[in-house]
Amino acid sequence: MPPFHSTLPSPGRTLGNVALMPLRQTTKGSARGPAPITSDEDIIDQTINLFKANILFKNFEMETDVDRVLVYVTLYIIECLKRLQKIPNAERATQDMFSAALEPFSIPGEAGFPLNAFYTKPGGEAEEMKKYFVQIRHETGARLAEKVFDPSLSPDGGPAKWWTCWAKRKFLNVALDKRR
């Protein structure tokens, strides 16, 4: 069985070879960035929904520029889950996810980026790509914190083990954060 790919159409505009996907704005800081706004299901919703199925795969053939965004968000979800499993409540989780989005990170073409073979260097658009990835990280962290601390999954107010159990897995045998 092959991994699940994004069903969203490519918007046409790219940064490097990463699609500039429209995002549903749910957090304050995420509106500052190059991604257009949408009210429909976006790439982050789709990645969170496909996460538990895709995390089991060691190979992923990137068919479109949208799949590159899906892979990046999947890798970022793993980093978020590593942090969320240690946090006691939803309020602290939201704060930690906001600060995690702003921490220094590598973009395609830089030495610390784990998938440079599949992503092209953005060239003159490096700053815009950085803003786009921060925007994606803000939205992903906020929505994931809502899912992980959902009262129906974890009545005691702590993180839901049905999400945090995936923090130990690797997707494509790589991690965004080389320090961990």
Protein backbone atom coordinates (compact mmCIF):
# COMPACT_ATOMS: atom_id res chain seq x y z
CA MET A 1 0.00 0.00 0.00
CA PRO A 2 1.48 3.37 -0.98
CA PRO A 3 1.49 6.42 1.30
CA PHE A 4 -1.29 8.97 1.03
CA HIS A 5 -0.59 12.04 -1.08
CA SER A 6 -2.29 15.41 -0.91
CA THR A 7 -5.51 15.74 -2.85
CA LEU A 8 -5.32 19.54 -2.88
CA PRO A 9 -4.56 21.17 -6.21
CA SER A 10 -1.34 23.08 -6.66
CA PRO A 11 -1.98 26.82 -6.47
CA GLY A 12 0.60 27.48 -9.16
CA ARG A 13 2.91 29.74 -7.17
CA THR A 14 6.00 28.12 -5.64
CA LEU A 15 8.96 29.06 -3.46
CA GLY A 16 11.83 26.95 -4.73
CA ASN A 17 9.85 23.81 -5.57
CA VAL A 18 7.50 24.07 -2.56
CA ALA A 19 3.88 25.02 -3.30
CA LEU A 20 2.68 28.24 -1.70
CA MET A 21 -0.56 26.75 -0.35
CA PRO A 22 -3.46 28.80 1.02
CA LEU A 23 -3.85 28.45 4.80
CA ARG A 24 -6.86 28.71 7.08
CA GLN A 25 -5.81 31.35 9.61
CA THR A 26 -6.60 30.23 13.17
CA THR A 27 -3.83 31.94 15.16
CA LYS A 28 -2.77 35.56 15.58
CA GLY A 29 0.83 35.31 14.37
CA SER A 30 0.15 33.19 11.32
CA ALA A 31 -1.41 35.95 9.22
CA ARG A 32 2.00 37.55 8.71
CA GLY A 33 3.35 35.62 5.77
CA PRO A 34 3.07 35.04 2.04
CA ALA A 35 0.41 32.29 2.14
CA PRO A 36 -3.02 33.30 0.87
CA ILE A 37 -5.99 32.87 3.21
CA THR A 38 -8.71 30.25 2.72
CA SER A 39 -11.73 29.12 4.70
CA ASP A 40 -11.71 25.60 3.22
CA GLU A 41 -9.70 22.56 4.28
CA ASP A 42 -6.02 23.38 3.85
CA ILE A 43 -2.78 21.43 3.65
CA ILE A 44 -2.34 21.48 7.44
CA ASP A 45 -5.79 19.95 8.06
CA GLN A 46 -5.08 17.32 5.43
CA THR A 47 -1.62 16.50 6.83
CA ILE A 48 -2.94 16.14 10.38
CA ASN A 49 -5.71 13.84 9.09
CA LEU A 50 -3.23 11.72 7.09
CA PHE A 51 -0.47 11.79 9.72
CA LYS A 52 -1.17 8.50 11.49
CA ALA A 53 -1.30 6.61 8.18
CA ASN A 54 1.70 8.29 6.54
CA ILE A 55 4.00 8.09 9.57
CA LEU A 56 4.26 4.33 9.07
CA PHE A 57 6.01 4.69 5.71
CA LYS A 58 9.77 4.79 5.21
CA ASN A 59 9.46 5.87 1.56
CA PHE A 60 7.43 8.66 0.04
CA GLU A 61 7.49 9.53 -3.63
CA MET A 62 6.85 13.25 -4.02
CA GLU A 63 4.53 13.56 -6.99
CA THR A 64 3.78 17.29 -6.80
CA ASP A 65 5.04 20.45 -5.15
CA VAL A 66 2.09 20.13 -2.74
CA ASP A 67 3.52 16.81 -1.49
CA ARG A 68 6.68 18.66 -0.41
CA VAL A 69 4.55 20.80 1.90
CA LEU A 70 2.80 17.67 3.20
CA VAL A 71 6.18 16.04 3.99
CA TYR A 72 7.49 19.16 5.75
CA VAL A 73 4.34 19.48 7.87
CA THR A 74 4.49 15.75 8.74
CA LEU A 75 8.08 16.12 9.93
CA TYR A 76 7.15 19.22 11.94
CA ILE A 77 4.22 17.37 13.56
CA ILE A 78 6.67 14.80 14.90
CA GLU A 79 8.80 17.56 16.44
CA CYS A 80 5.66 19.09 17.98
CA LEU A 81 4.55 15.76 19.44
CA LYS A 82 7.96 15.32 21.09
CA ARG A 83 7.37 18.59 22.90
CA LEU A 84 3.67 18.14 23.60
CA GLN A 85 4.10 14.79 25.36
CA LYS A 86 6.01 16.57 28.14
CA ILE A 87 3.52 19.41 28.65
CA PRO A 88 0.85 19.10 31.38
CA ASN A 89 -2.03 21.21 29.96
CA ALA A 90 -3.50 22.81 26.84
CA GLU A 91 -2.69 26.40 27.81
CA ARG A 92 1.02 25.68 28.18
CA ALA A 93 0.92 23.60 25.01
CA THR A 94 -0.42 26.53 22.98
CA GLN A 95 2.28 28.82 24.35
CA ASP A 96 5.02 26.27 23.68
CA MET A 97 3.84 25.64 20.13
CA PHE A 98 3.86 29.39 19.46
CA SER A 99 7.44 29.72 20.69
CA ALA A 100 8.52 26.53 18.86
CA ALA A 101 7.36 28.05 15.57
CA LEU A 102 9.69 31.01 16.11
CA GLU A 103 12.79 29.01 17.04
CA PRO A 104 15.63 28.98 14.50
CA PHE A 105 15.26 26.31 11.79
CA SER A 106 16.81 25.42 8.46
CA ILE A 107 15.14 25.87 5.10
CA PRO A 108 15.89 23.97 1.88
CA GLY A 109 19.40 24.65 0.65
CA GLU A 110 20.84 25.22 4.13
CA ALA A 111 23.16 22.68 5.74
CA GLY A 112 20.78 21.60 8.54
CA PHE A 113 17.78 20.83 6.32
CA PRO A 114 17.33 17.03 6.22
CA LEU A 115 15.71 16.66 2.78
CA ASN A 116 17.87 18.88 0.56
CA ALA A 117 17.89 16.16 -2.11
CA PHE A 118 14.14 16.61 -2.66
CA TYR A 119 13.80 20.38 -2.24
CA THR A 120 15.47 23.08 -4.31
CA LYS A 121 17.12 26.13 -2.83
CA PRO A 122 14.71 29.07 -2.93
CA GLY A 123 17.29 31.47 -4.38
CA GLY A 124 16.17 35.07 -3.92
CA GLU A 125 13.00 33.95 -2.16
CA ALA A 126 14.77 32.59 0.95
CA GLU A 127 13.30 35.19 3.32
CA GLU A 128 9.81 34.66 1.92
CA MET A 129 10.20 30.87 2.32
CA LYS A 130 11.30 31.36 5.92
CA LYS A 131 8.16 33.45 6.59
CA TYR A 132 6.01 30.82 4.86
CA PHE A 133 7.48 28.03 6.98
CA VAL A 134 6.95 30.09 10.15
CA GLN A 135 3.35 30.59 9.08
CA ILE A 136 2.95 26.83 8.53
CA ARG A 137 4.63 26.07 11.87
CA HIS A 138 2.30 28.46 13.77
CA GLU A 139 -0.83 26.95 12.27
CA THR A 140 0.36 23.35 12.62
CA GLY A 141 1.37 23.79 16.26
CA ALA A 142 -1.89 25.48 17.25
CA ARG A 143 -4.12 22.92 15.54
CA LEU A 144 -2.09 19.99 16.79
CA ALA A 145 -2.25 21.27 20.39
CA GLU A 146 -6.05 21.33 20.07
CA LYS A 147 -6.06 17.71 18.89
CA VAL A 148 -3.54 16.41 21.44
CA PHE A 149 -5.31 18.08 24.38
CA ASP A 150 -8.83 17.26 23.19
CA PRO A 151 -10.93 16.57 26.33
CA SER A 152 -12.70 13.66 24.66
CA LEU A 153 -9.37 11.84 24.17
CA SER A 154 -7.81 12.84 27.48
CA PRO A 155 -10.35 13.63 30.22
CA ASP A 156 -7.62 14.36 32.78
CA GLY A 157 -6.44 17.41 30.80
CA GLY A 158 -3.06 15.95 29.86
CA PRO A 159 -1.83 15.02 26.39
CA ALA A 160 -3.69 12.20 24.65
CA LYS A 161 -1.59 9.07 24.40
CA TRP A 162 -3.27 8.35 21.05
CA TRP A 163 -1.26 11.24 19.65
CA THR A 164 1.89 11.26 21.75
CA CYS A 165 2.64 7.60 21.01
CA TRP A 166 3.69 8.72 17.51
CA ALA A 167 6.43 11.04 18.82
CA LYS A 168 8.98 8.22 18.81
CA ARG A 169 8.43 7.37 15.14
CA LYS A 170 10.45 8.78 12.28
CA PHE A 171 9.02 9.64 8.90
CA LEU A 172 11.37 8.83 6.00
CA ASN A 173 14.02 8.05 8.64
CA VAL A 174 14.77 11.76 9.10
CA ALA A 175 14.02 14.45 11.66
CA LEU A 176 13.74 18.21 11.20
CA ASP A 177 15.59 18.90 14.43
CA LYS A 178 19.08 17.39 14.32
CA ARG A 179 19.68 18.18 18.01
CA ARG A 180 17.22 15.53 19.25
